[in-house]
Amino acid sequence: MTRAAPGAPSWRRAWKKEGGVPSSVAGRVRSWKLGLLIAGGVGAVFMHVWIRLTVLRVGYALSDARQVVRKLENEHGTLETQWAALTSPARLEALAGARLGLRRPLPQQVVTLP
């Protein structure tokens, strides 16, 4: 086995002498691994909760948007019905006669172009 340098820390000398990792270092490594595992698990739980809350919030926003779309579609249908009623030929002819004094032209007043 190789010997550690004389000025090296005691754990390094013990490592070189025993041919492996000293128990104090192995315990620290295990603690770090356990700490990282716990931190990763907590992080995964937080990520899961955050994703679920985001999905819930987006679901509510989508529901609100669907309600707005339904309302606008109903309003569009109502406006189309009003447009059809207001632009009907019979109504326009009656308004033209009543407000402007217009009437249909007589046959001799119609000029046909060649």
PDB file of N, CA and C in Angstrom:
ATOM      1  N   MET A   1       0.824  -1.173   0.000  1.00  0.00           N
ATOM      2  CA  MET A   1       0.000   0.000   0.000  1.00  0.00           C
ATOM      3  C   MET A   1       0.870   1.238   0.000  1.00  0.00           C
ATOM      4  N   THR A   2       0.295   2.282  -0.599  1.00  0.00           N
ATOM      5  CA  THR A   2       1.056   3.525  -0.645  1.00  0.00           C
ATOM      6  C   THR A   2       0.802   4.303   0.625  1.00  0.00           C
ATOM      7  N   ARG A   3       1.743   5.065   0.969  1.00  0.00           N
ATOM      8  CA  ARG A   3       1.615   5.849   2.191  1.00  0.00           C
ATOM      9  C   ARG A   3       1.201   7.258   1.842  1.00  0.00           C
ATOM     10  N   ALA A   4       0.413   7.848   2.690  1.00  0.00           N
ATOM     11  CA  ALA A   4      -0.026   9.221   2.501  1.00  0.00           C
ATOM     12  C   ALA A   4       1.119  10.154   2.862  1.00  0.00           C
ATOM     13  N   ALA A   5       1.063  11.310   2.316  1.00  0.00           N
ATOM     14  CA  ALA A   5       2.093  12.307   2.597  1.00  0.00           C
ATOM     15  C   ALA A   5       2.064  12.654   4.076  1.00  0.00           C
ATOM     16  N   PRO A   6       3.202  12.994   4.644  1.00  0.00           N
ATOM     17  CA  PRO A   6       3.259  13.258   6.075  1.00  0.00           C
ATOM     18  C   PRO A   6       2.394  14.445   6.501  1.00  0.00           C
ATOM     19  N   GLY A   7       2.204  15.445   5.650  1.00  0.00           N
ATOM     20  CA  GLY A   7       1.407  16.600   6.037  1.00  0.00           C
ATOM     21  C   GLY A   7      -0.062  16.444   5.692  1.00  0.00           C
ATOM     22  N   ALA A   8      -0.474  15.292   5.187  1.00  0.00           N
ATOM     23  CA  ALA A   8      -1.862  15.074   4.763  1.00  0.00           C
ATOM     24  C   ALA A   8      -2.767  14.969   5.988  1.00  0.00           C
ATOM     25  N   PRO A   9      -4.051  15.296   5.837  1.00  0.00           N
ATOM     26  CA  PRO A   9      -4.987  15.170   6.969  1.00  0.00           C
ATOM     27  C   PRO A   9      -5.065  13.738   7.473  1.00  0.00           C
ATOM     28  N   SER A  10      -5.470  13.598   8.713  1.00  0.00           N
ATOM     29  CA  SER A  10      -5.461  12.286   9.355  1.00  0.00           C
ATOM     30  C   SER A  10      -6.402  11.303   8.660  1.00  0.00           C
ATOM     31  N   TRP A  11      -7.557  11.781   8.145  1.00  0.00           N
ATOM     32  CA  TRP A  11      -8.465  10.845   7.484  1.00  0.00           C
ATOM     33  C   TRP A  11      -7.858  10.287   6.211  1.00  0.00           C
ATOM     34  N   ARG A  12      -6.997  11.111   5.543  1.00  0.00           N
ATOM     35  CA  ARG A  12      -6.361  10.623   4.329  1.00  0.00           C
ATOM     36  C   ARG A  12      -5.332   9.556   4.681  1.00  0.00           C
ATOM     37  N   ARG A  13      -4.627   9.765   5.780  1.00  0.00           N
ATOM     38  CA  ARG A  13      -3.651   8.758   6.204  1.00  0.00           C
ATOM     39  C   ARG A  13      -4.358   7.470   6.589  1.00  0.00           C
ATOM     40  N   ALA A  14      -5.499   7.606   7.281  1.00  0.00           N
ATOM     41  CA  ALA A  14      -6.247   6.417   7.684  1.00  0.00           C
ATOM     42  C   ALA A  14      -6.779   5.701   6.451  1.00  0.00           C
ATOM     43  N   TRP A  15      -7.197   6.447   5.465  1.00  0.00           N
ATOM     44  CA  TRP A  15      -7.721   5.864   4.231  1.00  0.00           C
ATOM     45  C   TRP A  15      -6.642   5.055   3.531  1.00  0.00           C
ATOM     46  N   LYS A  16      -5.493   5.672   3.404  1.00  0.00           N
ATOM     47  CA  LYS A  16      -4.398   4.983   2.725  1.00  0.00           C
ATOM     48  C   LYS A  16      -3.952   3.766   3.537  1.00  0.00           C
ATOM     49  N   LYS A  17      -3.934   3.882   4.858  1.00  0.00           N
ATOM     50  CA  LYS A  17      -3.450   2.808   5.698  1.00  0.00           C
ATOM     51  C   LYS A  17      -4.426   1.634   5.718  1.00  0.00           C
ATOM     52  N   GLU A  18      -5.710   1.910   5.789  1.00  0.00           N
ATOM     53  CA  GLU A  18      -6.694   0.845   5.898  1.00  0.00           C
ATOM     54  C   GLU A  18      -7.079   0.292   4.534  1.00  0.00           C
ATOM     55  N   GLY A  19      -6.752   1.007   3.474  1.00  0.00           N
ATOM     56  CA  GLY A  19      -7.080   0.516   2.150  1.00  0.00           C
ATOM     57  C   GLY A  19      -8.503   0.843   1.738  1.00  0.00           C
ATOM     58  N   GLY A  20      -9.146   1.775   2.375  1.00  0.00           N
ATOM     59  CA  GLY A  20     -10.513   2.144   2.035  1.00  0.00           C
ATOM     60  C   GLY A  20     -10.884   3.473   2.657  1.00  0.00           C
ATOM     61  N   VAL A  21     -12.144   3.777   2.637  1.00  0.00           N
ATOM     62  CA  VAL A  21     -12.636   5.039   3.179  1.00  0.00           C
ATOM     63  C   VAL A  21     -12.832   4.874   4.675  1.00  0.00           C
ATOM     64  N   PRO A  22     -12.316   5.801   5.474  1.00  0.00           N
ATOM     65  CA  PRO A  22     -12.544   5.701   6.916  1.00  0.00           C
ATOM     66  C   PRO A  22     -14.023   5.867   7.249  1.00  0.00           C
ATOM     67  N   SER A  23     -14.432   5.336   8.358  1.00  0.00           N
ATOM     68  CA  SER A  23     -15.852   5.335   8.712  1.00  0.00           C
ATOM     69  C   SER A  23     -16.405   6.752   8.892  1.00  0.00           C
ATOM     70  N   SER A  24     -15.585   7.675   9.383  1.00  0.00           N
ATOM     71  CA  SER A  24     -16.085   9.040   9.567  1.00  0.00           C
ATOM     72  C   SER A  24     -16.394   9.687   8.215  1.00  0.00           C
ATOM     73  N   VAL A  25     -15.558   9.430   7.227  1.00  0.00           N
ATOM     74  CA  VAL A  25     -15.801   9.980   5.888  1.00  0.00           C
ATOM     75  C   VAL A  25     -16.982   9.262   5.246  1.00  0.00           C
ATOM     76  N   ALA A  26     -17.044   7.963   5.410  1.00  0.00           N
ATOM     77  CA  ALA A  26     -18.156   7.203   4.849  1.00  0.00           C
ATOM     78  C   ALA A  26     -19.472   7.659   5.471  1.00  0.00           C
ATOM     79  N   GLY A  27     -19.463   7.976   6.760  1.00  0.00           N
ATOM     80  CA  GLY A  27     -20.667   8.473   7.416  1.00  0.00           C
ATOM     81  C   GLY A  27     -21.083   9.824   6.863  1.00  0.00           C
ATOM     82  N   ARG A  28     -20.077  10.677   6.611  1.00  0.00           N
ATOM     83  CA  ARG A  28     -20.399  11.977   6.025  1.00  0.00           C
ATOM     84  C   ARG A  28     -20.959  11.826   4.619  1.00  0.00           C
ATOM     85  N   VAL A  29     -20.392  10.921   3.852  1.00  0.00           N
ATOM     86  CA  VAL A  29     -20.880  10.685   2.484  1.00  0.00           C
ATOM     87  C   VAL A  29     -22.310  10.158   2.539  1.00  0.00           C
ATOM     88  N   ARG A  30     -22.559   9.208   3.465  1.00  0.00           N
ATOM     89  CA  ARG A  30     -23.905   8.686   3.618  1.00  0.00           C
ATOM     90  C   ARG A  30     -24.874   9.794   4.038  1.00  0.00           C
ATOM     91  N   SER A  31     -24.428  10.687   4.913  1.00  0.00           N
ATOM     92  CA  SER A  31     -25.280  11.801   5.345  1.00  0.00           C
ATOM     93  C   SER A  31     -25.599  12.714   4.170  1.00  0.00           C
ATOM     94  N   TRP A  32     -24.592  12.996   3.362  1.00  0.00           N
ATOM     95  CA  TRP A  32     -24.831  13.844   2.183  1.00  0.00           C
ATOM     96  C   TRP A  32     -25.789  13.179   1.213  1.00  0.00           C
ATOM     97  N   LYS A  33     -25.587  11.889   0.992  1.00  0.00           N
ATOM     98  CA  LYS A  33     -26.478  11.160   0.090  1.00  0.00           C
ATOM     99  C   LYS A  33     -27.909  11.168   0.630  1.00  0.00           C
ATOM    100  N   LEU A  34     -28.052  10.929   1.922  1.00  0.00           N
ATOM    101  CA  LEU A  34     -29.378  10.931   2.531  1.00  0.00           C
ATOM    102  C   LEU A  34     -29.991  12.328   2.461  1.00  0.00           C
ATOM    103  N   GLY A  35     -29.190  13.344   2.737  1.00  0.00           N
ATOM    104  CA  GLY A  35     -29.675  14.717   2.651  1.00  0.00           C
ATOM    105  C   GLY A  35     -30.113  15.070   1.236  1.00  0.00           C
ATOM    106  N   LEU A  36     -29.313  14.680   0.252  1.00  0.00           N
ATOM    107  CA  LEU A  36     -29.686  14.932  -1.141  1.00  0.00           C
ATOM    108  C   LEU A  36     -30.946  14.171  -1.525  1.00  0.00           C
ATOM    109  N   LEU A  37     -31.064  12.949  -1.038  1.00  0.00           N
ATOM    110  CA  LEU A  37     -32.257  12.160  -1.333  1.00  0.00           C
ATOM    111  C   LEU A  37     -33.503  12.810  -0.723  1.00  0.00           C
ATOM    112  N   ILE A  38     -33.389  13.250   0.515  1.00  0.00           N
ATOM    113  CA  ILE A  38     -34.525  13.913   1.171  1.00  0.00           C
ATOM    114  C   ILE A  38     -34.852  15.223   0.466  1.00  0.00           C
ATOM    115  N   ALA A  39     -33.819  16.009   0.143  1.00  0.00           N
ATOM    116  CA  ALA A  39     -34.052  17.280  -0.558  1.00  0.00           C
ATOM    117  C   ALA A  39     -34.698  17.031  -1.921  1.00  0.00           C
ATOM    118  N   GLY A  40     -34.251  16.000  -2.605  1.00  0.00           N
ATOM    119  CA  GLY A  40     -34.865  15.656  -3.891  1.00  0.00           C
ATOM    120  C   GLY A  40     -36.315  15.238  -3.730  1.00  0.00           C
ATOM    121  N   GLY A  41     -36.595  14.473  -2.697  1.00  0.00           N
ATOM    122  CA  GLY A  41     -37.976  14.053  -2.446  1.00  0.00           C
ATOM    123  C   GLY A  41     -38.875  15.233  -2.101  1.00  0.00           C
ATOM    124  N   VAL A  42     -38.370  16.122  -1.246  1.00  0.00           N
ATOM    125  CA  VAL A  42     -39.144  17.314  -0.893  1.00  0.00           C
ATOM    126  C   VAL A  42     -39.354  18.179  -2.132  1.00  0.00           C
ATOM    127  N   GLY A  43     -38.295  18.317  -2.943  1.00  0.00           N
ATOM    128  CA  GLY A  43     -38.420  19.082  -4.185  1.00  0.00           C
ATOM    129  C   GLY A  43     -39.445  18.465  -5.125  1.00  0.00           C
ATOM    130  N   ALA A  44     -39.446  17.145  -5.216  1.00  0.00           N
ATOM    131  CA  ALA A  44     -40.424  16.469  -6.078  1.00  0.00           C
ATOM    132  C   ALA A  44     -41.845  16.686  -5.568  1.00  0.00           C
ATOM    133  N   VAL A  45     -42.030  16.658  -4.258  1.00  0.00           N
ATOM    134  CA  VAL A  45     -43.356  16.896  -3.685  1.00  0.00           C
ATOM    135  C   VAL A  45     -43.807  18.324  -3.980  1.00  0.00           C
ATOM    136  N   PHE A  46     -42.902  19.296  -3.778  1.00  0.00           N
ATOM    137  CA  PHE A  46     -43.251  20.684  -4.078  1.00  0.00           C
ATOM    138  C   PHE A  46     -43.576  20.855  -5.556  1.00  0.00           C
ATOM    139  N   MET A  47     -42.802  20.218  -6.426  1.00  0.00           N
ATOM    140  CA  MET A  47     -43.044  20.313  -7.865  1.00  0.00           C
ATOM    141  C   MET A  47     -44.413  19.711  -8.209  1.00  0.00           C
ATOM    142  N   HIS A  48     -44.737  18.582  -7.602  1.00  0.00           N
ATOM    143  CA  HIS A  48     -46.030  17.940  -7.850  1.00  0.00           C
ATOM    144  C   HIS A  48     -47.176  18.845  -7.410  1.00  0.00           C
ATOM    145  N   VAL A  49     -47.063  19.434  -6.231  1.00  0.00           N
ATOM    146  CA  VAL A  49     -48.107  20.332  -5.730  1.00  0.00           C
ATOM    147  C   VAL A  49     -48.229  21.558  -6.633  1.00  0.00           C
ATOM    148  N   TRP A  50     -47.104  22.120  -7.048  1.00  0.00           N
ATOM    149  CA  TRP A  50     -47.122  23.290  -7.928  1.00  0.00           C
ATOM    150  C   TRP A  50     -47.797  22.968  -9.254  1.00  0.00           C
ATOM    151  N   ILE A  51     -47.481  21.811  -9.817  1.00  0.00           N
ATOM    152  CA  ILE A  51     -48.092  21.409 -11.091  1.00  0.00           C
ATOM    153  C   ILE A  51     -49.595  21.212 -10.911  1.00  0.00           C
ATOM    154  N   ARG A  52     -50.006  20.562  -9.842  1.00  0.00           N
ATOM    155  CA  ARG A  52     -51.443  20.344  -9.606  1.00  0.00           C
ATOM    156  C   ARG A  52     -52.178  21.674  -9.442  1.00  0.00           C
ATOM    157  N   LEU A  53     -51.587  22.613  -8.723  1.00  0.00           N
ATOM    158  CA  LEU A  53     -52.223  23.926  -8.561  1.00  0.00           C
ATOM    159  C   LEU A  53     -52.290  24.679  -9.884  1.00  0.00           C
ATOM    160  N   THR A  54     -51.261  24.552 -10.688  1.00  0.00           N
ATOM    161  CA  THR A  54     -51.263  25.194 -12.004  1.00  0.00           C
ATOM    162  C   THR A  54     -52.343  24.594 -12.887  1.00  0.00           C
ATOM    163  N   VAL A  55     -52.473  23.282 -12.876  1.00  0.00           N
ATOM    164  CA  VAL A  55     -53.519  22.620 -13.661  1.00  0.00           C
ATOM    165  C   VAL A  55     -54.899  23.071 -13.192  1.00  0.00           C
ATOM    166  N   LEU A  56     -55.071  23.179 -11.889  1.00  0.00           N
ATOM    167  CA  LEU A  56     -56.346  23.624 -11.335  1.00  0.00           C
ATOM    168  C   LEU A  56     -56.653  25.059 -11.765  1.00  0.00           C
ATOM    169  N   ARG A  57     -55.665  25.944 -11.663  1.00  0.00           N
ATOM    170  CA  ARG A  57     -55.860  27.344 -12.049  1.00  0.00           C
ATOM    171  C   ARG A  57     -56.166  27.467 -13.538  1.00  0.00           C
ATOM    172  N   VAL A  58     -55.456  26.726 -14.367  1.00  0.00           N
ATOM    173  CA  VAL A  58     -55.699  26.757 -15.808  1.00  0.00           C
ATOM    174  C   VAL A  58     -57.077  26.178 -16.127  1.00  0.00           C
ATOM    175  N   GLY A  59     -57.497  25.161 -15.379  1.00  0.00           N
ATOM    176  CA  GLY A  59     -58.832  24.590 -15.571  1.00  0.00           C
ATOM    177  C   GLY A  59     -59.926  25.609 -15.288  1.00  0.00           C
ATOM    178  N   TYR A  60     -59.758  26.377 -14.205  1.00  0.00           N
ATOM    179  CA  TYR A  60     -60.739  27.420 -13.905  1.00  0.00           C
ATOM    180  C   TYR A  60     -60.735  28.503 -14.982  1.00  0.00           C
ATOM    181  N   ALA A  61     -59.562  28.884 -15.450  1.00  0.00           N
ATOM    182  CA  ALA A  61     -59.482  29.900 -16.504  1.00  0.00           C
ATOM    183  C   ALA A  61     -60.146  29.390 -17.780  1.00  0.00           C
ATOM    184  N   LEU A  62     -59.950  28.117 -18.094  1.00  0.00           N
ATOM    185  CA  LEU A  62     -60.576  27.532 -19.276  1.00  0.00           C
ATOM    186  C   LEU A  62     -62.091  27.506 -19.130  1.00  0.00           C
ATOM    187  N   SER A  63     -62.578  27.178 -17.949  1.00  0.00           N
ATOM    188  CA  SER A  63     -64.017  27.174 -17.701  1.00  0.00           C
ATOM    189  C   SER A  63     -64.598  28.579 -17.880  1.00  0.00           C
ATOM    190  N   ASP A  64     -63.910  29.579 -17.344  1.00  0.00           N
ATOM    191  CA  ASP A  64     -64.361  30.959 -17.516  1.00  0.00           C
ATOM    192  C   ASP A  64     -64.370  31.353 -18.992  1.00  0.00           C
ATOM    193  N   ALA A  65     -63.335  30.961 -19.714  1.00  0.00           N
ATOM    194  CA  ALA A  65     -63.263  31.291 -21.138  1.00  0.00           C
ATOM    195  C   ALA A  65     -64.395  30.619 -21.909  1.00  0.00           C
ATOM    196  N   ARG A  66     -64.734  29.393 -21.562  1.00  0.00           N
ATOM    197  CA  ARG A  66     -65.844  28.705 -22.234  1.00  0.00           C
ATOM    198  C   ARG A  66     -67.168  29.418 -21.968  1.00  0.00           C
ATOM    199  N   GLN A  67     -67.355  29.898 -20.746  1.00  0.00           N
ATOM    200  CA  GLN A  67     -68.581  30.642 -20.430  1.00  0.00           C
ATOM    201  C   GLN A  67     -68.656  31.915 -21.260  1.00  0.00           C
ATOM    202  N   VAL A  68     -67.545  32.603 -21.405  1.00  0.00           N
ATOM    203  CA  VAL A  68     -67.517  33.829 -22.210  1.00  0.00           C
ATOM    204  C   VAL A  68     -67.836  33.510 -23.660  1.00  0.00           C
ATOM    205  N   VAL A  69     -67.265  32.415 -24.168  1.00  0.00           N
ATOM    206  CA  VAL A  69     -67.517  32.023 -25.558  1.00  0.00           C
ATOM    207  C   VAL A  69     -69.002  31.724 -25.758  1.00  0.00           C
ATOM    208  N   ARG A  70     -69.618  30.977 -24.821  1.00  0.00           N
ATOM    209  CA  ARG A  70     -71.052  30.685 -24.938  1.00  0.00           C
ATOM    210  C   ARG A  70     -71.880  31.968 -24.933  1.00  0.00           C
ATOM    211  N   LYS A  71     -71.533  32.883 -24.043  1.00  0.00           N
ATOM    212  CA  LYS A  71     -72.257  34.146 -23.961  1.00  0.00           C
ATOM    213  C   LYS A  71     -72.124  34.926 -25.271  1.00  0.00           C
ATOM    214  N   LEU A  72     -70.921  34.995 -25.806  1.00  0.00           N
ATOM    215  CA  LEU A  72     -70.701  35.726 -27.053  1.00  0.00           C
ATOM    216  C   LEU A  72     -71.388  35.057 -28.238  1.00  0.00           C
ATOM    217  N   GLU A  73     -71.424  33.717 -28.254  1.00  0.00           N
ATOM    218  CA  GLU A  73     -72.132  33.022 -29.332  1.00  0.00           C
ATOM    219  C   GLU A  73     -73.634  33.315 -29.265  1.00  0.00           C
ATOM    220  N   ASN A  74     -74.197  33.332 -28.057  1.00  0.00           N
ATOM    221  CA  ASN A  74     -75.618  33.677 -27.908  1.00  0.00           C
ATOM    222  C   ASN A  74     -75.873  35.109 -28.367  1.00  0.00           C
ATOM    223  N   GLU A  75     -74.994  36.019 -27.972  1.00  0.00           N
ATOM    224  CA  GLU A  75     -75.147  37.416 -28.378  1.00  0.00           C
ATOM    225  C   GLU A  75     -75.013  37.558 -29.897  1.00  0.00           C
ATOM    226  N   HIS A  76     -74.102  36.808 -30.485  1.00  0.00           N
ATOM    227  CA  HIS A  76     -73.925  36.836 -31.941  1.00  0.00           C
ATOM    228  C   HIS A  76     -75.196  36.366 -32.645  1.00  0.00           C
ATOM    229  N   GLY A  77     -75.794  35.300 -32.153  1.00  0.00           N
ATOM    230  CA  GLY A  77     -77.048  34.805 -32.739  1.00  0.00           C
ATOM    231  C   GLY A  77     -78.158  35.842 -32.638  1.00  0.00           C
ATOM    232  N   THR A  78     -78.240  36.487 -31.477  1.00  0.00           N
ATOM    233  CA  THR A  78     -79.251  37.531 -31.302  1.00  0.00           C
ATOM    234  C   THR A  78     -79.017  38.686 -32.279  1.00  0.00           C
ATOM    235  N   LEU A  79     -77.770  39.096 -32.421  1.00  0.00           N
ATOM    236  CA  LEU A  79     -77.454  40.203 -33.333  1.00  0.00           C
ATOM    237  C   LEU A  79     -77.714  39.825 -34.795  1.00  0.00           C
ATOM    238  N   GLU A  80     -77.445  38.579 -35.164  1.00  0.00           N
ATOM    239  CA  GLU A  80     -77.741  38.143 -36.535  1.00  0.00           C
ATOM    240  C   GLU A  80     -79.245  38.194 -36.795  1.00  0.00           C
ATOM    241  N   THR A  81     -80.044  37.775 -35.817  1.00  0.00           N
ATOM    242  CA  THR A  81     -81.501  37.825 -35.960  1.00  0.00           C
ATOM    243  C   THR A  81     -81.977  39.272 -36.101  1.00  0.00           C
ATOM    244  N   GLN A  82     -81.434  40.160 -35.283  1.00  0.00           N
ATOM    245  CA  GLN A  82     -81.802  41.573 -35.388  1.00  0.00           C
ATOM    246  C   GLN A  82     -81.389  42.156 -36.741  1.00  0.00           C
ATOM    247  N   TRP A  83     -80.204  41.807 -37.215  1.00  0.00           N
ATOM    248  CA  TRP A  83     -79.727  42.286 -38.521  1.00  0.00           C
ATOM    249  C   TRP A  83     -80.666  41.816 -39.630  1.00  0.00           C
ATOM    250  N   ALA A  84     -81.051  40.556 -39.581  1.00  0.00           N
ATOM    251  CA  ALA A  84     -81.950  40.034 -40.611  1.00  0.00           C
ATOM    252  C   ALA A  84     -83.294  40.764 -40.572  1.00  0.00           C
ATOM    253  N   ALA A  85     -83.800  41.061 -39.381  1.00  0.00           N
ATOM    254  CA  ALA A  85     -85.075  41.755 -39.269  1.00  0.00           C
ATOM    255  C   ALA A  85     -84.960  43.198 -39.759  1.00  0.00           C
ATOM    256  N   LEU A  86     -83.868  43.849 -39.421  1.00  0.00           N
ATOM    257  CA  LEU A  86     -83.710  45.255 -39.794  1.00  0.00           C
ATOM    258  C   LEU A  86     -83.415  45.454 -41.284  1.00  0.00           C
ATOM    259  N   THR A  87     -82.820  44.461 -41.914  1.00  0.00           N
ATOM    260  CA  THR A  87     -82.467  44.608 -43.331  1.00  0.00           C
ATOM    261  C   THR A  87     -83.412  43.853 -44.259  1.00  0.00           C
ATOM    262  N   SER A  88     -84.556  43.412 -43.755  1.00  0.00           N
ATOM    263  CA  SER A  88     -85.500  42.690 -44.617  1.00  0.00           C
ATOM    264  C   SER A  88     -86.038  43.645 -45.693  1.00  0.00           C
ATOM    265  N   PRO A  89     -86.213  43.161 -46.919  1.00  0.00           N
ATOM    266  CA  PRO A  89     -86.684  44.018 -48.010  1.00  0.00           C
ATOM    267  C   PRO A  89     -88.045  44.660 -47.717  1.00  0.00           C
ATOM    268  N   ALA A  90     -88.956  43.943 -47.105  1.00  0.00           N
ATOM    269  CA  ALA A  90     -90.283  44.497 -46.819  1.00  0.00           C
ATOM    270  C   ALA A  90     -90.177  45.683 -45.858  1.00  0.00           C
ATOM    271  N   ARG A  91     -89.354  45.554 -44.836  1.00  0.00           N
ATOM    272  CA  ARG A  91     -89.183  46.643 -43.868  1.00  0.00           C
ATOM    273  C   ARG A  91     -88.518  47.845 -44.510  1.00  0.00           C
ATOM    274  N   LEU A  92     -87.471  47.590 -45.315  1.00  0.00           N
ATOM    275  CA  LEU A  92     -86.784  48.702 -45.971  1.00  0.00           C
ATOM    276  C   LEU A  92     -87.712  49.440 -46.944  1.00  0.00           C
ATOM    277  N   GLU A  93     -88.549  48.695 -47.658  1.00  0.00           N
ATOM    278  CA  GLU A  93     -89.487  49.324 -48.589  1.00  0.00           C
ATOM    279  C   GLU A  93     -90.505  50.178 -47.835  1.00  0.00           C
ATOM    280  N   ALA A  94     -90.995  49.679 -46.694  1.00  0.00           N
ATOM    281  CA  ALA A  94     -91.955  50.440 -45.898  1.00  0.00           C
ATOM    282  C   ALA A  94     -91.314  51.711 -45.336  1.00  0.00           C
ATOM    283  N   LEU A  95     -90.081  51.603 -44.842  1.00  0.00           N
ATOM    284  CA  LEU A  95     -89.382  52.779 -44.323  1.00  0.00           C
ATOM    285  C   LEU A  95     -89.101  53.806 -45.422  1.00  0.00           C
ATOM    286  N   ALA A  96     -88.714  53.325 -46.593  1.00  0.00           N
ATOM    287  CA  ALA A  96     -88.429  54.244 -47.707  1.00  0.00           C
ATOM    288  C   ALA A  96     -89.689  55.011 -48.091  1.00  0.00           C
ATOM    289  N   GLY A  97     -90.831  54.341 -48.098  1.00  0.00           N
ATOM    290  CA  GLY A  97     -92.087  55.026 -48.436  1.00  0.00           C
ATOM    291  C   GLY A  97     -92.520  55.981 -47.353  1.00  0.00           C
ATOM    292  N   ALA A  98     -92.382  55.576 -46.080  1.00  0.00           N
ATOM    293  CA  ALA A  98     -92.873  56.396 -44.972  1.00  0.00           C
ATOM    294  C   ALA A  98     -91.963  57.595 -44.695  1.00  0.00           C
ATOM    295  N   ARG A  99     -90.662  57.385 -44.648  1.00  0.00           N
ATOM    296  CA  ARG A  99     -89.749  58.458 -44.258  1.00  0.00           C
ATOM    297  C   ARG A  99     -89.330  59.345 -45.432  1.00  0.00           C
ATOM    298  N   LEU A 100     -89.078  58.708 -46.573  1.00  0.00           N
ATOM    299  CA  LEU A 100     -88.519  59.460 -47.698  1.00  0.00           C
ATOM    300  C   LEU A 100     -89.524  59.725 -48.814  1.00  0.00           C
ATOM    301  N   GLY A 101     -90.693  59.127 -48.732  1.00  0.00           N
ATOM    302  CA  GLY A 101     -91.699  59.309 -49.769  1.00  0.00           C
ATOM    303  C   GLY A 101     -91.349  58.601 -51.068  1.00  0.00           C
ATOM    304  N   LEU A 102     -90.542  57.559 -50.995  1.00  0.00           N
ATOM    305  CA  LEU A 102     -90.159  56.807 -52.196  1.00  0.00           C
ATOM    306  C   LEU A 102     -91.215  55.748 -52.504  1.00  0.00           C
ATOM    307  N   ARG A 103     -91.307  55.376 -53.788  1.00  0.00           N
ATOM    308  CA  ARG A 103     -92.210  54.299 -54.193  1.00  0.00           C
ATOM    309  C   ARG A 103     -91.541  53.547 -55.328  1.00  0.00           C
ATOM    310  N   ARG A 104     -92.116  52.417 -55.706  1.00  0.00           N
ATOM    311  CA  ARG A 104     -91.550  51.627 -56.809  1.00  0.00           C
ATOM    312  C   ARG A 104     -91.730  52.418 -58.109  1.00  0.00           C
ATOM    313  N   PRO A 105     -90.753  52.290 -59.011  1.00  0.00           N
ATOM    314  CA  PRO A 105     -90.878  53.017 -60.295  1.00  0.00           C
ATOM    315  C   PRO A 105     -91.929  52.383 -61.186  1.00  0.00           C
ATOM    316  N   LEU A 106     -92.560  53.206 -61.970  1.00  0.00           N
ATOM    317  CA  LEU A 106     -93.533  52.724 -62.967  1.00  0.00           C
ATOM    318  C   LEU A 106     -92.758  52.077 -64.110  1.00  0.00           C
ATOM    319  N   PRO A 107     -93.394  51.175 -64.879  1.00  0.00           N
ATOM    320  CA  PRO A 107     -92.664  50.500 -65.944  1.00  0.00           C
ATOM    321  C   PRO A 107     -92.070  51.465 -66.969  1.00  0.00           C
ATOM    322  N   GLN A 108     -92.701  52.599 -67.292  1.00  0.00           N
ATOM    323  CA  GLN A 108     -92.150  53.512 -68.278  1.00  0.00           C
ATOM    324  C   GLN A 108     -90.960  54.325 -67.706  1.00  0.00           C
ATOM    325  N   GLN A 109     -90.748  54.282 -66.360  1.00  0.00           N
ATOM    326  CA  GLN A 109     -89.644  54.991 -65.759  1.00  0.00           C
ATOM    327  C   GLN A 109     -88.348  54.154 -65.723  1.00  0.00           C
ATOM    328  N   VAL A 110     -88.458  52.880 -66.018  1.00  0.00           N
ATOM    329  CA  VAL A 110     -87.302  51.984 -65.996  1.00  0.00           C
ATOM    330  C   VAL A 110     -86.637  52.025 -67.354  1.00  0.00           C
ATOM    331  N   VAL A 111     -85.337  52.264 -67.391  1.00  0.00           N
ATOM    332  CA  VAL A 111     -84.559  52.314 -68.636  1.00  0.00           C
ATOM    333  C   VAL A 111     -83.646  51.108 -68.630  1.00  0.00           C
ATOM    334  N   THR A 112     -83.696  50.341 -69.698  1.00  0.00           N
ATOM    335  CA  THR A 112     -82.812  49.184 -69.819  1.00  0.00           C
ATOM    336  C   THR A 112     -81.648  49.558 -70.727  1.00  0.00           C
ATOM    337  N   LEU A 113     -80.459  49.330 -70.298  1.00  0.00           N
ATOM    338  CA  LEU A 113     -79.264  49.662 -71.067  1.00  0.00           C
ATOM    339  C   LEU A 113     -78.875  48.494 -71.963  1.00  0.00           C
ATOM    340  N   PRO A 114     -78.356  48.833 -73.180  1.00  0.00           N
ATOM    341  CA  PRO A 114     -77.977  47.743 -74.110  1.00  0.00           C
ATOM    342  C   PRO A 114     -76.739  47.020 -73.681  1.00  0.00           C
TER     343      PRO A 114
END
